[in-house]
C-alpha atoms as a PDB file:
ATOM      1  CA  MET A   1     104.501 178.235 -85.511  1.00  0.00           C
ATOM      2  CA  VAL A   2     101.337 180.171 -84.791  1.00  0.00           C
ATOM      3  CA  ASP A   3      98.532 179.285 -87.171  1.00  0.00           C
ATOM      4  CA  HIS A   4      97.052 182.511 -88.524  1.00  0.00           C
ATOM      5  CA  THR A   5      94.297 180.535 -90.308  1.00  0.00           C
ATOM      6  CA  SER A   6      93.023 178.620 -87.264  1.00  0.00           C
ATOM      7  CA  PRO A   7      89.322 178.876 -86.358  1.00  0.00           C
ATOM      8  CA  VAL A   8      90.289 180.849 -83.245  1.00  0.00           C
ATOM      9  CA  SER A   9      92.312 183.354 -85.268  1.00  0.00           C
ATOM     10  CA  ASP A  10      89.482 183.688 -87.802  1.00  0.00           C
ATOM     11  CA  LEU A  11      86.931 184.328 -85.052  1.00  0.00           C
ATOM     12  CA  LEU A  12      89.211 186.845 -83.355  1.00  0.00           C
ATOM     13  CA  ARG A  13      89.624 188.831 -86.536  1.00  0.00           C
ATOM     14  CA  ALA A  14      85.867 188.755 -87.135  1.00  0.00           C
ATOM     15  CA  TRP A  15      85.256 189.881 -83.569  1.00  0.00           C
ATOM     16  CA  GLY A  16      87.745 192.697 -84.033  1.00  0.00           C
ATOM     17  CA  GLN A  17      85.691 193.826 -87.001  1.00  0.00           C
ATOM     18  CA  GLY A  18      82.561 194.055 -84.864  1.00  0.00           C
ATOM     19  CA  ASN A  19      81.061 190.586 -85.293  1.00  0.00           C
ATOM     20  CA  THR A  20      79.546 189.824 -81.875  1.00  0.00           C
ATOM     21  CA  GLN A  21      78.477 186.326 -82.956  1.00  0.00           C
ATOM     22  CA  ALA A  22      82.138 185.510 -83.587  1.00  0.00           C
ATOM     23  CA  ARG A  23      82.890 186.688 -80.060  1.00  0.00           C
ATOM     24  CA  ASP A  24      80.209 184.382 -78.656  1.00  0.00           C
ATOM     25  CA  ASP A  25      81.413 181.460 -80.788  1.00  0.00           C
ATOM     26  CA  LEU A  26      84.948 181.940 -79.502  1.00  0.00           C
ATOM     27  CA  LEU A  27      84.443 180.922 -75.871  1.00  0.00           C
ATOM     28  CA  PRO A  28      83.882 177.161 -76.429  1.00  0.00           C
ATOM     29  CA  LEU A  29      87.078 177.029 -78.494  1.00  0.00           C
ATOM     30  CA  VAL A  30      89.300 178.798 -75.965  1.00  0.00           C
ATOM     31  CA  TYR A  31      87.743 177.858 -72.633  1.00  0.00           C
ATOM     32  CA  ALA A  32      89.815 174.718 -72.001  1.00  0.00           C
ATOM     33  CA  GLU A  33      93.097 176.530 -72.681  1.00  0.00           C
ATOM     34  CA  LEU A  34      92.045 179.537 -70.597  1.00  0.00           C
ATOM     35  CA  ARG A  35      91.223 177.223 -67.713  1.00  0.00           C
ATOM     36  CA  ALA A  36      94.570 175.452 -68.058  1.00  0.00           C
ATOM     37  CA  GLN A  37      96.199 178.882 -67.970  1.00  0.00           C
ATOM     38  CA  ALA A  38      94.267 179.732 -64.797  1.00  0.00           C
ATOM     39  CA  VAL A  39      95.270 176.428 -63.191  1.00  0.00           C
ATOM     40  CA  ARG A  40      98.947 177.168 -63.905  1.00  0.00           C
ATOM     41  CA  TYR A  41      98.577 180.552 -62.238  1.00  0.00           C
ATOM     42  CA  LEU A  42      96.854 179.206 -59.141  1.00  0.00           C
ATOM     43  CA  GLN A  43      99.257 176.287 -58.700  1.00  0.00           C
ATOM     44  CA  ARG A  44     101.835 178.923 -57.781  1.00  0.00           C
ATOM     45  CA  GLU A  45      99.607 180.510 -55.138  1.00  0.00           C
ATOM     46  CA  ARG A  46      99.005 179.682 -51.509  1.00  0.00           C
ATOM     47  CA  ARG A  47      96.995 176.527 -50.874  1.00  0.00           C
ATOM     48  CA  ASP A  48      94.172 178.366 -49.102  1.00  0.00           C
ATOM     49  CA  HIS A  49      93.589 180.697 -52.042  1.00  0.00           C
ATOM     50  CA  THR A  50      89.917 181.590 -52.288  1.00  0.00           C
ATOM     51  CA  LEU A  51      89.922 182.215 -56.032  1.00  0.00           C
ATOM     52  CA  GLN A  52      89.258 179.080 -58.087  1.00  0.00           C
ATOM     53  CA  PRO A  53      90.309 178.483 -61.738  1.00  0.00           C
ATOM     54  CA  THR A  54      86.747 178.725 -63.047  1.00  0.00           C
ATOM     55  CA  ALA A  55      86.180 182.071 -61.329  1.00  0.00           C
ATOM     56  CA  LEU A  56      89.519 183.367 -62.603  1.00  0.00           C
ATOM     57  CA  VAL A  57      88.649 182.323 -66.163  1.00  0.00           C
ATOM     58  CA  HIS A  58      85.224 183.939 -66.019  1.00  0.00           C
ATOM     59  CA  GLU A  59      86.535 187.231 -64.624  1.00  0.00           C
ATOM     60  CA  ALA A  60      89.371 187.320 -67.156  1.00  0.00           C
ATOM     61  CA  TYR A  61      86.988 186.542 -70.024  1.00  0.00           C
ATOM     62  CA  LEU A  62      84.615 189.292 -68.950  1.00  0.00           C
ATOM     63  CA  ARG A  63      87.518 191.718 -69.047  1.00  0.00           C
ATOM     64  CA  LEU A  64      88.592 190.396 -72.437  1.00  0.00           C
ATOM     65  CA  ILE A  65      85.204 190.809 -74.072  1.00  0.00           C
ATOM     66  CA  GLY A  66      85.032 194.275 -72.546  1.00  0.00           C
ATOM     67  CA  GLN A  67      88.052 195.312 -74.591  1.00  0.00           C
ATOM     68  CA  THR A  68      87.321 197.783 -77.355  1.00  0.00           C
ATOM     69  CA  HIS A  69      89.379 198.796 -80.347  1.00  0.00           C
ATOM     70  CA  VAL A  70      91.577 195.696 -80.165  1.00  0.00           C
ATOM     71  CA  SER A  71      93.009 194.542 -83.478  1.00  0.00           C
ATOM     72  CA  TRP A  72      93.298 190.844 -82.690  1.00  0.00           C
ATOM     73  CA  GLN A  73      96.260 189.287 -84.494  1.00  0.00           C
ATOM     74  CA  ASN A  74      95.895 185.590 -83.728  1.00  0.00           C
ATOM     75  CA  ARG A  75      95.318 183.105 -80.907  1.00  0.00           C
ATOM     76  CA  ALA A  76      98.727 183.843 -79.336  1.00  0.00           C
ATOM     77  CA  HIS A  77      97.792 187.525 -79.117  1.00  0.00           C
ATOM     78  CA  PHE A  78      94.522 186.577 -77.411  1.00  0.00           C
ATOM     79  CA  PHE A  79      96.146 184.281 -74.852  1.00  0.00           C
ATOM     80  CA  GLY A  80      98.883 186.823 -74.237  1.00  0.00           C
ATOM     81  CA  LEU A  81      96.269 189.416 -73.316  1.00  0.00           C
ATOM     82  CA  ALA A  82      94.434 186.790 -71.244  1.00  0.00           C
ATOM     83  CA  ALA A  83      97.654 186.225 -69.287  1.00  0.00           C
ATOM     84  CA  GLU A  84      97.880 189.950 -68.599  1.00  0.00           C
ATOM     85  CA  MET A  85      94.258 190.039 -67.426  1.00  0.00           C
ATOM     86  CA  MET A  86      94.740 187.068 -65.087  1.00  0.00           C
ATOM     87  CA  ARG A  87      97.861 188.599 -63.591  1.00  0.00           C
ATOM     88  CA  ARG A  88      96.019 191.859 -62.923  1.00  0.00           C
ATOM     89  CA  ILE A  89      93.133 190.002 -61.287  1.00  0.00           C
ATOM     90  CA  LEU A  90      95.474 188.039 -59.030  1.00  0.00           C
ATOM     91  CA  VAL A  91      97.476 191.133 -58.102  1.00  0.00           C
ATOM     92  CA  ASP A  92      94.242 192.965 -57.212  1.00  0.00           C
ATOM     93  CA  HIS A  93      93.168 189.939 -55.182  1.00  0.00           C
ATOM     94  CA  ALA A  94      96.561 189.852 -53.431  1.00  0.00           C
ATOM     95  CA  ARG A  95      96.336 193.522 -52.502  1.00  0.00           C
ATOM     96  CA  LYS A  96      92.901 193.010 -50.966  1.00  0.00           C
ATOM     97  CA  HIS A  97      94.086 189.910 -49.110  1.00  0.00           C
ATOM     98  CA  GLN A  98      97.166 191.708 -47.829  1.00  0.00           C
ATOM     99  CA  ALA A  99      95.107 194.665 -46.661  1.00  0.00           C
ATOM    100  CA  ALA A 100      92.830 192.287 -44.761  1.00  0.00           C
ATOM    101  CA  LYS A 101      95.618 190.221 -43.240  1.00  0.00           C
ATOM    102  CA  ARG A 102      98.121 193.050 -42.696  1.00  0.00           C
ATOM    103  CA  SER A 103     100.925 190.588 -43.399  1.00  0.00           C
ATOM    104  CA  GLY A 104     103.652 190.627 -46.020  1.00  0.00           C
ATOM    105  CA  GLY A 105     103.250 187.059 -47.255  1.00  0.00           C
ATOM    106  CA  ALA A 106      99.829 187.378 -48.799  1.00  0.00           C
ATOM    107  CA  MET A 107     100.368 185.229 -51.860  1.00  0.00           C
ATOM    108  CA  ARG A 108     103.302 183.239 -53.112  1.00  0.00           C
ATOM    109  CA  VAL A 109     104.536 182.209 -56.522  1.00  0.00           C
ATOM    110  CA  ALA A 110     107.401 179.972 -57.567  1.00  0.00           C
ATOM    111  CA  TRP A 111     109.614 180.211 -60.622  1.00  0.00           C
ATOM    112  CA  ASP A 112     108.725 177.288 -62.872  1.00  0.00           C
ATOM    113  CA  GLU A 113     111.690 175.052 -63.712  1.00  0.00           C
ATOM    114  CA  GLU A 114     109.895 173.958 -66.882  1.00  0.00           C
ATOM    115  CA  ALA A 115     110.049 177.566 -68.040  1.00  0.00           C
ATOM    116  CA  GLY A 116     113.810 177.391 -67.751  1.00  0.00           C
ATOM    117  CA  THR A 117     114.514 179.159 -64.462  1.00  0.00           C
ATOM    118  CA  THR A 118     116.715 177.455 -61.868  1.00  0.00           C
ATOM    119  CA  PRO A 119     116.927 177.414 -58.963  1.00  0.00           C
ATOM    120  CA  PRO A 120     113.250 178.047 -58.098  1.00  0.00           C
ATOM    121  CA  LEU A 121     112.523 181.006 -55.847  1.00  0.00           C
ATOM    122  CA  ASP A 122     109.400 181.561 -53.757  1.00  0.00           C
ATOM    123  CA  CYS A 123     108.363 185.193 -53.584  1.00  0.00           C
ATOM    124  CA  ALA A 124     105.302 187.276 -52.928  1.00  0.00           C
ATOM    125  CA  LEU A 125     103.180 187.923 -55.983  1.00  0.00           C
ATOM    126  CA  LEU A 126     103.032 191.602 -55.145  1.00  0.00           C
ATOM    127  CA  LEU A 127     106.802 191.717 -54.988  1.00  0.00           C
ATOM    128  CA  LEU A 128     107.059 190.041 -58.378  1.00  0.00           C
ATOM    129  CA  ASP A 129     104.516 192.460 -59.802  1.00  0.00           C
ATOM    130  CA  GLN A 130     106.555 195.394 -58.478  1.00  0.00           C
ATOM    131  CA  ALA A 131     109.743 193.927 -59.947  1.00  0.00           C
ATOM    132  CA  LEU A 132     108.009 193.483 -63.310  1.00  0.00           C
ATOM    133  CA  ALA A 133     106.901 197.108 -63.202  1.00  0.00           C
ATOM    134  CA  GLU A 134     110.507 198.157 -62.606  1.00  0.00           C
ATOM    135  CA  LEU A 135     111.636 195.923 -65.460  1.00  0.00           C
ATOM    136  CA  ALA A 136     109.019 197.503 -67.741  1.00  0.00           C
ATOM    137  CA  VAL A 137     110.572 200.907 -67.066  1.00  0.00           C
ATOM    138  CA  ARG A 138     113.994 199.460 -67.833  1.00  0.00           C
ATOM    139  CA  ASP A 139     112.895 197.410 -70.871  1.00  0.00           C
ATOM    140  CA  LEU A 140     109.201 197.113 -71.735  1.00  0.00           C
ATOM    141  CA  ARG A 141     109.680 194.288 -74.229  1.00  0.00           C
ATOM    142  CA  GLN A 142     111.557 192.157 -71.726  1.00  0.00           C
ATOM    143  CA  ALA A 143     108.745 192.638 -69.213  1.00  0.00           C
ATOM    144  CA  ARG A 144     106.220 191.551 -71.838  1.00  0.00           C
ATOM    145  CA  VAL A 145     108.299 188.471 -72.627  1.00  0.00           C
ATOM    146  CA  VAL A 146     108.240 187.476 -68.944  1.00  0.00           C
ATOM    147  CA  GLU A 147     104.494 188.003 -68.787  1.00  0.00           C
ATOM    148  CA  LEU A 148     103.839 185.974 -71.931  1.00  0.00           C
ATOM    149  CA  ARG A 149     106.240 183.146 -71.096  1.00  0.00           C
ATOM    150  CA  TYR A 150     105.946 182.862 -67.318  1.00  0.00           C
ATOM    151  CA  PHE A 151     102.362 183.910 -66.728  1.00  0.00           C
ATOM    152  CA  GLY A 152     100.792 183.129 -70.092  1.00  0.00           C
ATOM    153  CA  GLY A 153     102.590 179.870 -70.749  1.00  0.00           C
ATOM    154  CA  LEU A 154     103.270 180.864 -74.351  1.00  0.00           C
ATOM    155  CA  SER A 155     106.142 179.283 -76.222  1.00  0.00           C
ATOM    156  CA  GLU A 156     109.032 181.416 -77.419  1.00  0.00           C
ATOM    157  CA  GLN A 157     107.638 181.290 -80.954  1.00  0.00           C
ATOM    158  CA  GLU A 158     104.159 182.346 -79.812  1.00  0.00           C
ATOM    159  CA  ALA A 159     105.602 185.192 -77.752  1.00  0.00           C
ATOM    160  CA  ALA A 160     107.613 186.272 -80.788  1.00  0.00           C
ATOM    161  CA  GLU A 161     104.406 186.364 -82.854  1.00  0.00           C
ATOM    162  CA  VAL A 162     102.641 188.510 -80.269  1.00  0.00           C
ATOM    163  CA  LEU A 163     105.541 190.954 -79.995  1.00  0.00           C
ATOM    164  CA  ALA A 164     106.320 190.934 -83.736  1.00  0.00           C
ATOM    165  CA  VAL A 165     109.975 190.074 -83.163  1.00  0.00           C
ATOM    166  CA  SER A 166     112.182 187.083 -83.957  1.00  0.00           C
ATOM    167  CA  ARG A 167     112.274 183.996 -81.768  1.00  0.00           C
ATOM    168  CA  ALA A 168     115.982 184.676 -81.153  1.00  0.00           C
ATOM    169  CA  THR A 169     115.060 188.081 -79.732  1.00  0.00           C
ATOM    170  CA  VAL A 170     112.537 186.490 -77.366  1.00  0.00           C
ATOM    171  CA  THR A 171     115.120 183.903 -76.280  1.00  0.00           C
ATOM    172  CA  ARG A 172     117.642 186.617 -75.514  1.00  0.00           C
ATOM    173  CA  ASP A 173     115.110 188.861 -73.738  1.00  0.00           C
ATOM    174  CA  TRP A 174     113.831 185.933 -71.665  1.00  0.00           C
ATOM    175  CA  GLN A 175     117.334 185.002 -70.499  1.00  0.00           C
ATOM    176  CA  VAL A 176     118.309 188.577 -69.621  1.00  0.00           C
ATOM    177  CA  ALA A 177     114.997 189.453 -67.938  1.00  0.00           C
ATOM    178  CA  ARG A 178     114.930 186.234 -65.947  1.00  0.00           C
ATOM    179  CA  ALA A 179     118.430 186.808 -64.594  1.00  0.00           C
ATOM    180  CA  TRP A 180     117.609 190.426 -63.721  1.00  0.00           C
ATOM    181  CA  LEU A 181     114.399 189.531 -61.894  1.00  0.00           C
ATOM    182  CA  PHE A 182     116.073 186.666 -60.059  1.00  0.00           C
ATOM    183  CA  ARG A 183     118.813 188.995 -58.820  1.00  0.00           C
ATOM    184  CA  ILE A 184     116.300 191.634 -57.708  1.00  0.00           C
ATOM    185  CA  LEU A 185     114.137 189.107 -55.859  1.00  0.00           C
ATOM    186  CA  ILE A 186     117.146 187.479 -54.162  1.00  0.00           C
ATOM    187  CA  ASN A 187     118.325 190.870 -52.933  1.00  0.00           C
ATOM    188  CA  VAL A 188     114.886 191.745 -51.558  1.00  0.00           C
ATOM    189  CA  PHE A 189     114.577 188.321 -49.940  1.00  0.00           C
ATOM    190  CA  TYR A 190     117.853 188.711 -48.057  1.00  0.00           C
ATOM    191  CA  ALA A 191     117.024 192.302 -47.145  1.00  0.00           C
ATOM    192  CA  GLN A 192     113.737 191.163 -45.612  1.00  0.00           C
ATOM    193  CA  HIS A 193     115.497 188.257 -43.881  1.00  0.00           C
ATOM    194  CA  ARG A 194     118.073 190.608 -42.313  1.00  0.00           C
ATOM    195  CA  LYS A 195     115.316 192.986 -41.242  1.00  0.00           C
ATOM    196  CA  ALA A 196     113.354 190.158 -39.621  1.00  0.00           C
ATOM    197  CA  ARG A 197     116.441 188.918 -37.741  1.00  0.00           C
ATOM    198  CA  SER A 198     117.273 192.393 -36.440  1.00  0.00           C
ATOM    199  CA  ALA A 199     113.731 193.118 -35.268  1.00  0.00           C
ATOM    200  CA  PRO A 200     113.281 193.095 -31.479  1.00  0.00           C
ATOM    201  CA  PRO A 201     111.508 189.982 -30.079  1.00  0.00           C
END
């Protein structure tokens, strides 16, 4: 269960009420987990990635403290938003890298078996981001569940707290969204494979 009375939750609520000292006191308490989150992200990327975990954490934290009018709920809410920030940073980075390289395989991610998805599938981060955007149009909550679970590393219970739904709802959304994304990515993969095979030498 998410602890609504934890020091992190208390500081977040104080920060949300305008206490800048609480905001400053927050970083030492969340830094290690933010960095672990960043490491999880970057483990899925290409080996020659130029963005390091520390830089990703710092950029994400700068974006987080730049948020205004956020009614922080608890630590899960904070790390859920941090996951969203990190994903946006990496997608922006991927777009710049792709523009520079002019190649389709700019960055790669792999479905994490520990998150319950088998078999694993390598795909471009930009492709996954596009698929998530399509899923958000289809079902916004399911897209948020994927972001919180896959990118943020939140448990089902923590994701349920962030979304204000039951854990059973998160479990169901996660299963449905995962299957939908897997099907979409498989179809695109084979479409690209067929296109590459039919291209003239």
